[in-house]
Protein backbone atom coordinates (compact mmCIF):
# COMPACT_ATOMS: atom_id res chain seq x y z
CA MET A 1 14.93 7.46 7.80
CA LYS A 2 14.36 9.50 11.14
CA THR A 3 12.24 12.11 9.80
CA ASP A 4 8.62 11.33 11.57
CA HIS A 5 9.08 13.93 14.10
CA TRP A 6 10.36 16.41 11.28
CA PHE A 7 6.98 15.87 9.55
CA TYR A 8 5.42 16.44 13.10
CA GLY A 9 7.21 19.65 13.50
CA LEU A 10 5.98 20.93 10.23
CA PHE A 11 2.66 20.28 10.45
CA GLN A 12 2.44 21.76 14.03
CA SER A 13 3.92 24.96 12.64
CA VAL A 14 1.63 25.06 9.69
CA PRO A 15 -1.38 23.38 10.36
CA ASP A 16 -3.27 24.91 7.40
CA LEU A 17 -0.80 22.95 5.10
CA ILE A 18 -3.33 20.00 5.69
CA ALA A 19 -5.70 22.12 3.40
CA LEU A 20 -3.36 21.86 0.45
CA LEU A 21 -3.66 17.87 0.54
CA LEU A 22 -7.35 17.71 0.68
CA PRO A 23 -9.09 17.56 -2.87
CA MET A 24 -11.71 19.69 -1.92
CA PRO A 25 -13.10 21.76 -4.71
CA GLY A 26 -13.66 25.57 -3.74
CA ALA A 27 -11.96 25.51 -0.57
CA VAL A 28 -10.14 28.66 0.33
CA VAL A 29 -6.56 28.37 1.53
CA PRO A 30 -4.99 31.10 3.12
CA CYS A 31 -1.33 32.12 2.67
CA LEU A 32 0.52 29.84 4.77
CA GLY A 33 3.55 30.93 7.07
CA LEU A 34 5.51 29.12 9.63
CA ASP A 35 3.66 29.65 12.98
CA ALA A 36 0.31 30.00 11.85
CA PRO A 37 -1.57 33.35 12.94
CA GLY A 38 -4.73 33.19 15.07
CA ASP A 39 -7.03 33.47 11.81
CA ALA A 40 -5.74 29.78 10.63
CA LEU A 41 -8.37 27.38 9.50
CA TYR A 42 -6.98 24.60 11.60
CA ARG A 43 -5.31 23.66 14.94
CA PHE A 44 -3.11 20.69 15.26
CA ASP A 45 -2.87 17.88 18.03
CA THR A 46 -1.72 14.20 18.53
CA PRO A 47 -4.77 12.50 20.27
CA GLU A 48 -4.15 9.38 22.22
CA LEU A 49 -6.67 6.62 21.61
CA LYS A 50 -6.67 5.00 24.94
CA ALA A 51 -8.21 1.79 24.47
CA VAL A 52 -5.78 0.87 22.06
CA ASN A 53 -3.01 2.92 23.57
CA HIS A 54 -2.17 4.35 19.96
CA ARG A 55 -1.45 7.97 19.45
CA LEU A 56 -2.34 9.42 16.18
CA ASP A 57 0.28 11.15 14.05
CA GLY A 58 -1.84 14.11 13.79
CA ALA A 59 -5.73 15.59 14.04
CA PHE A 60 -6.52 18.76 12.50
CA TRP A 61 -9.43 20.48 14.10
CA PRO A 62 -10.90 23.19 11.97
CA LYS A 63 -11.66 26.77 13.62
CA SER A 64 -15.08 26.70 12.02
CA GLY A 65 -16.15 24.02 14.57
CA GLU A 66 -15.24 20.35 15.74
CA ALA A 67 -18.16 18.75 13.79
CA GLY A 68 -16.28 19.96 10.51
CA THR A 69 -17.75 20.45 7.11
CA ALA A 70 -17.59 19.46 3.60
CA GLU A 71 -15.23 22.14 2.73
CA GLN A 72 -13.23 21.92 6.02
CA PRO A 73 -13.68 18.41 7.47
CA VAL A 74 -11.72 17.25 10.45
CA VAL A 75 -8.42 15.66 9.44
CA LEU A 76 -6.84 12.33 10.42
CA LEU A 77 -3.05 12.47 9.57
CA GLU A 78 -0.84 9.18 9.21
CA VAL A 79 2.59 9.29 8.01
CA GLN A 80 4.12 5.80 7.18
CA MET A 81 7.48 5.68 5.38
CA HIS A 82 7.80 1.84 6.01
CA ALA A 83 6.08 -1.17 4.95
CA LYS A 84 3.80 -2.53 7.60
CA PRO A 85 1.56 -5.45 6.76
CA GLY A 86 -0.94 -4.86 9.39
CA PHE A 87 -1.16 -1.00 8.66
CA LYS A 88 -4.35 -0.88 6.91
CA HIS A 89 -6.37 -2.69 9.47
CA ARG A 90 -4.96 -0.50 11.96
CA LEU A 91 -5.77 2.59 10.25
CA GLY A 92 -9.37 1.27 9.71
CA ALA A 93 -9.85 0.36 13.67
CA GLN A 94 -8.20 3.52 14.83
CA SER A 95 -10.33 5.93 12.49
CA PHE A 96 -13.43 4.51 13.89
CA ARG A 97 -12.17 4.48 17.43
CA PHE A 98 -11.57 8.27 16.88
CA LEU A 99 -15.18 8.92 15.63
CA GLN A 100 -16.39 6.69 18.72
CA LEU A 101 -14.36 9.07 20.95
CA ASN A 102 -15.30 12.23 19.17
CA PRO A 103 -19.31 11.73 18.44
CA GLN A 104 -19.28 15.37 17.66
CA VAL A 105 -17.33 14.98 14.46
CA MET A 106 -19.62 14.70 11.31
CA HIS A 107 -17.15 15.26 8.59
CA LEU A 108 -14.00 13.36 8.53
CA ALA A 109 -11.21 13.20 6.05
CA VAL A 110 -8.11 10.81 6.46
CA VAL A 111 -4.73 11.24 5.00
CA VAL A 112 -1.94 8.98 4.77
CA VAL A 113 1.39 10.06 3.51
CA VAL A 114 3.43 7.29 1.83
CA PRO A 115 6.76 7.43 0.25
CA HIS A 116 5.51 5.62 -2.96
CA GLN A 117 2.31 3.78 -3.79
CA ARG A 118 4.65 0.43 -3.82
CA LEU A 119 4.66 0.45 -0.23
CA LYS A 120 3.26 -2.95 1.26
CA LEU A 121 0.91 -1.85 4.10
CA GLY A 122 -1.58 -4.94 4.14
CA PRO A 123 -3.15 -7.85 2.02
CA ASP A 124 -4.73 -7.13 -1.30
CA GLN A 125 -7.86 -8.89 -0.31
CA LEU A 126 -9.55 -7.29 2.53
CA PRO A 127 -13.15 -7.35 4.43
CA GLN A 128 -15.44 -5.55 2.08
CA GLN A 129 -16.34 -3.06 5.16
CA LEU A 130 -12.69 -2.24 5.57
CA GLN A 131 -12.03 -1.63 1.64
CA ALA A 132 -14.73 0.51 1.36
CA PHE A 133 -13.24 2.76 4.39
CA LEU A 134 -9.81 2.68 2.68
CA ASP A 135 -11.26 3.67 -0.83
CA GLY A 136 -12.41 6.89 0.71
CA VAL A 137 -8.86 7.51 2.36
CA ILE A 138 -6.50 10.22 0.74
CA TRP A 139 -3.39 8.24 -0.07
CA LEU A 140 -0.52 10.91 -0.69
CA SER A 141 2.61 9.42 -2.49
CA LEU A 142 5.58 11.99 -1.72
CA GLU A 143 7.26 10.24 -4.86
CA GLU A 144 4.22 11.60 -7.30
CA LEU A 145 3.65 14.84 -5.32
CA GLY A 146 7.52 15.36 -6.43
CA GLN A 147 6.84 15.07 -10.12
CA GLN A 148 4.37 17.90 -10.12
CA ALA A 149 5.59 21.08 -11.66
CA ASP A 150 5.48 24.63 -9.88
CA LEU A 151 4.62 22.88 -6.20
CA ASP A 152 3.93 25.20 -3.64
CA PRO A 153 7.17 25.34 -1.63
CA LEU A 154 5.63 24.01 1.56
CA LEU A 155 4.23 20.82 -0.43
CA ALA A 156 7.76 20.79 -2.17
CA LEU A 157 9.17 20.57 1.70
CA LEU A 158 7.12 17.33 2.02
CA THR A 159 8.92 15.55 -0.80
CA LEU A 160 12.56 16.17 0.74
CA PRO A 161 12.61 13.13 2.54
CA VAL A 162 12.35 11.15 -0.44
CA ARG A 163 13.97 13.04 -3.02
CA PRO A 164 17.00 11.59 -4.78
CA GLU A 165 20.34 13.10 -3.41
CA ALA A 166 21.10 14.42 -6.91
CA GLU A 167 17.65 16.47 -6.97
CA LEU A 168 17.94 18.12 -3.27
CA LYS A 169 20.11 20.84 -4.52
CA ALA A 170 17.83 22.01 -7.20
CA SER A 171 14.66 21.33 -4.90
CA THR A 172 15.91 23.17 -2.22
CA GLN A 173 16.81 26.13 -4.24
CA GLN A 174 13.65 26.12 -5.89
CA ILE A 175 12.06 26.28 -2.30
CA LEU A 176 14.20 29.22 -1.06
CA ALA A 177 13.77 31.08 -3.99
CA ARG A 178 10.28 31.59 -2.98
CA ARG A 179 10.38 31.08 0.63
CA PRO A 180 13.59 31.96 2.34
CA ASP A 181 12.02 31.93 5.34
CA LEU A 182 11.81 28.10 5.37
CA LEU A 183 15.50 27.78 5.49
CA SER A 184 15.70 26.51 9.20
CA THR A 185 12.91 23.95 8.22
CA VAL A 186 15.16 22.76 5.02
CA LEU A 187 18.11 22.02 7.14
CA THR A 188 16.33 20.54 9.90
CA MET A 189 15.03 17.82 7.46
CA LEU A 190 18.34 17.32 5.87
CA PHE A 191 19.95 17.00 9.38
CA GLU A 192 17.48 14.30 10.20
CA ARG A 193 17.79 12.46 6.71
CA PHE A 194 21.28 12.68 6.48
CA SER A 195 22.27 12.47 10.24
CA THR A 196 25.79 10.90 9.84
CA PHE A 197 26.87 13.48 7.38
CA THR A 198 29.15 16.18 8.37
CA PRO A 199 28.01 19.95 8.20
CA GLU A 200 29.93 20.58 5.13
CA GLU A 201 28.42 17.63 3.21
CA ILE A 202 24.94 18.44 4.14
CA MET A 203 25.84 22.10 2.66
CA VAL A 204 27.01 20.88 -0.43
CA ILE A 205 23.91 18.44 -0.91
CA ALA A 206 21.85 21.53 -0.43
CA GLY A 207 24.09 24.17 -2.33
CA ILE A 208 23.51 26.21 0.74
CA PRO A 209 26.50 28.87 0.94
CA THR A 210 27.94 29.05 4.65
CA ASP A 211 26.95 32.61 5.00
CA GLN A 212 23.19 31.77 4.64
CA LEU A 213 23.65 29.55 7.61
CA LEU A 214 24.89 31.76 10.31
CA HIS A 215 21.59 33.27 11.48
CA THR A 216 19.46 30.09 11.84
CA ARG A 217 19.02 27.94 14.90
CA ALA A 218 19.17 24.69 12.96
CA ALA A 219 22.49 25.55 11.48
CA GLN A 220 23.99 26.61 14.65
CA ILE A 221 23.33 23.09 15.93
CA LEU A 222 24.79 21.63 12.73
CA LEU A 223 27.71 23.72 13.03
CA ASP A 224 28.38 23.28 16.74
CA ARG A 225 28.01 19.53 15.88
CA GLY A 226 30.74 20.01 13.11
CA ARG A 227 33.25 21.86 15.22
CA GLU A 228 33.17 19.28 17.84
CA GLU A 229 33.56 16.47 15.21
CA GLY A 230 36.51 18.60 13.68
CA ARG A 231 38.26 19.06 16.87
CA GLN A 232 38.09 15.53 17.46
CA GLU A 233 39.22 14.39 14.07
CA GLY A 234 42.06 17.15 14.36
CA GLU A 235 43.38 15.82 17.67
CA ALA A 236 43.41 12.39 16.36
CA GLN A 237 45.38 13.21 13.06
CA GLY A 238 47.26 16.05 14.80
CA ARG A 239 46.65 18.54 11.80
CA LEU A 240 45.04 21.61 13.28
CA GLU A 241 47.71 24.18 12.33
CA GLY A 242 45.66 27.06 11.53
CA GLU A 243 42.12 28.18 10.59
CA ALA A 244 42.66 28.14 6.63
CA GLN A 245 44.93 25.12 6.50
CA GLY A 246 42.19 22.83 8.93
CA ARG A 247 39.55 24.24 6.48
CA ALA A 248 41.21 22.95 3.45
CA LEU A 249 42.09 19.68 4.91
CA GLY A 250 38.43 19.26 6.35
CA GLU A 251 37.09 20.24 2.65
CA ALA A 252 39.44 17.59 1.01
CA ASN A 253 38.59 14.75 3.70
CA VAL A 254 34.63 15.51 3.15
CA THR A 255 35.40 15.36 -0.75
CA MET A 256 36.84 12.04 -0.32
CA ARG A 257 34.28 10.46 1.68
CA GLN A 258 31.58 11.50 -0.79
CA LEU A 259 34.07 10.38 -3.81
CA ASN A 260 34.21 6.91 -2.02
CA ARG A 261 30.58 6.53 -1.81
CA ARG A 262 30.20 7.35 -5.72
CA CYS A 263 33.68 5.98 -7.23
CA GLY A 264 34.51 3.40 -4.78
CA PRO A 265 37.87 3.34 -2.71
CA LEU A 266 40.47 6.05 -3.97
CA SER A 267 43.86 4.98 -5.11
CA ASP A 268 46.78 6.50 -3.38
CA ALA A 269 47.60 8.67 -6.43
CA SER A 270 44.01 9.96 -6.47
CA ILE A 271 44.08 11.04 -2.86
CA ALA A 272 47.09 12.89 -3.29
CA ARG A 273 45.83 14.76 -6.37
CA ILE A 274 42.77 15.86 -4.39
CA GLN A 275 44.94 16.94 -1.31
CA ALA A 276 47.07 18.84 -3.25
CA LEU A 277 44.29 20.95 -4.65
CA PRO A 278 43.31 24.54 -3.50
CA LEU A 279 40.45 25.20 -1.48
CA GLN A 280 38.35 26.84 -4.20
CA GLN A 281 39.23 23.70 -6.52
CA LEU A 282 37.98 21.32 -3.59
CA GLU A 283 34.75 23.14 -3.55
CA THR A 284 34.33 22.90 -7.36
CA LEU A 285 34.95 19.14 -6.97
CA ALA A 286 32.58 18.91 -4.12
CA GLU A 287 29.91 20.16 -6.28
CA ALA A 288 30.88 18.43 -9.36
CA LEU A 289 30.85 14.97 -7.81
CA LEU A 290 27.21 14.81 -7.34
CA ASP A 291 26.89 13.99 -11.04
CA PHE A 292 29.96 11.47 -11.20
CA SER A 293 28.84 7.97 -11.63
CA GLY A 294 31.98 6.01 -11.31
CA PRO A 295 35.93 6.33 -11.11
CA ALA A 296 36.25 7.39 -15.01
CA ASP A 297 34.22 10.66 -14.00
CA LEU A 298 36.61 11.38 -11.42
CA ALA A 299 39.75 10.60 -13.33
CA ALA A 300 38.39 12.91 -16.15
CA TRP A 301 37.63 15.80 -13.85
CA LEU A 302 41.29 15.51 -12.29
CA ASN A 303 43.01 15.45 -15.74
CA GLY A 304 40.84 18.53 -16.92
CA HIS A 305 41.52 20.54 -13.67
CA CYS A 306 45.18 19.50 -12.35
CA GLY A 307 47.12 19.97 -15.61
């Protein structure tokens, strides 16, 4: 998944989000919003450790001072979404290299975001000194985080890259119900995660009506891309005979692509029945298919809705 720079952008916009990931009893966390105001607790950057030519995923510097405190330490962040056998050794090396280059730091926390705890990041047997360091690292499993009830919307955002597709609609709606200002951030992540999907497919997955998209920058990028793809497909098939007809046919093609993923290749009879559906029923089918597990579910739906 090409989501690393989505995480970067989110933490850059809301550096105080790191405070929600630190198990610091009694720590005061302000109300978080995008583009953190001047009274934020942290600022964010991505320092480069020149000796090893490795750029850290993120460093959070408390506004209270660059030495850090027990309540607001300096924080190093690593987002590791794929297995990497040498990761634990590199994490230890770069963390202590960071301390060497920043001797003013007295309180340091290291946070590693992983999709789940099963990710292989190094051998089980490690040098005693390295293991002691790793025992103090905060390992954040997005899978476990997503299982918590009543998540802060910003923490729920972090789980979107790893949530099963069937859960994305409910999760997205829960986030936007409490924080409608996060719509662009949600869409940006979905575009990154489903980079080969059409705009219509992404909107179905997220359960976001088109009229909610029109005033967001991320949506405009998506819709522009969708218009171009639609134009090319229409020219290839010679089917642009009007806006309404093109929209209905496009919806049918999107629905059939999703059905092919979930139910296997469609029969000619099923394709004909789907193409004959009016737009409203196509939209209903596009939502229903998220719960399909095989061709029998499609057949049952068509029999129940097509007479």
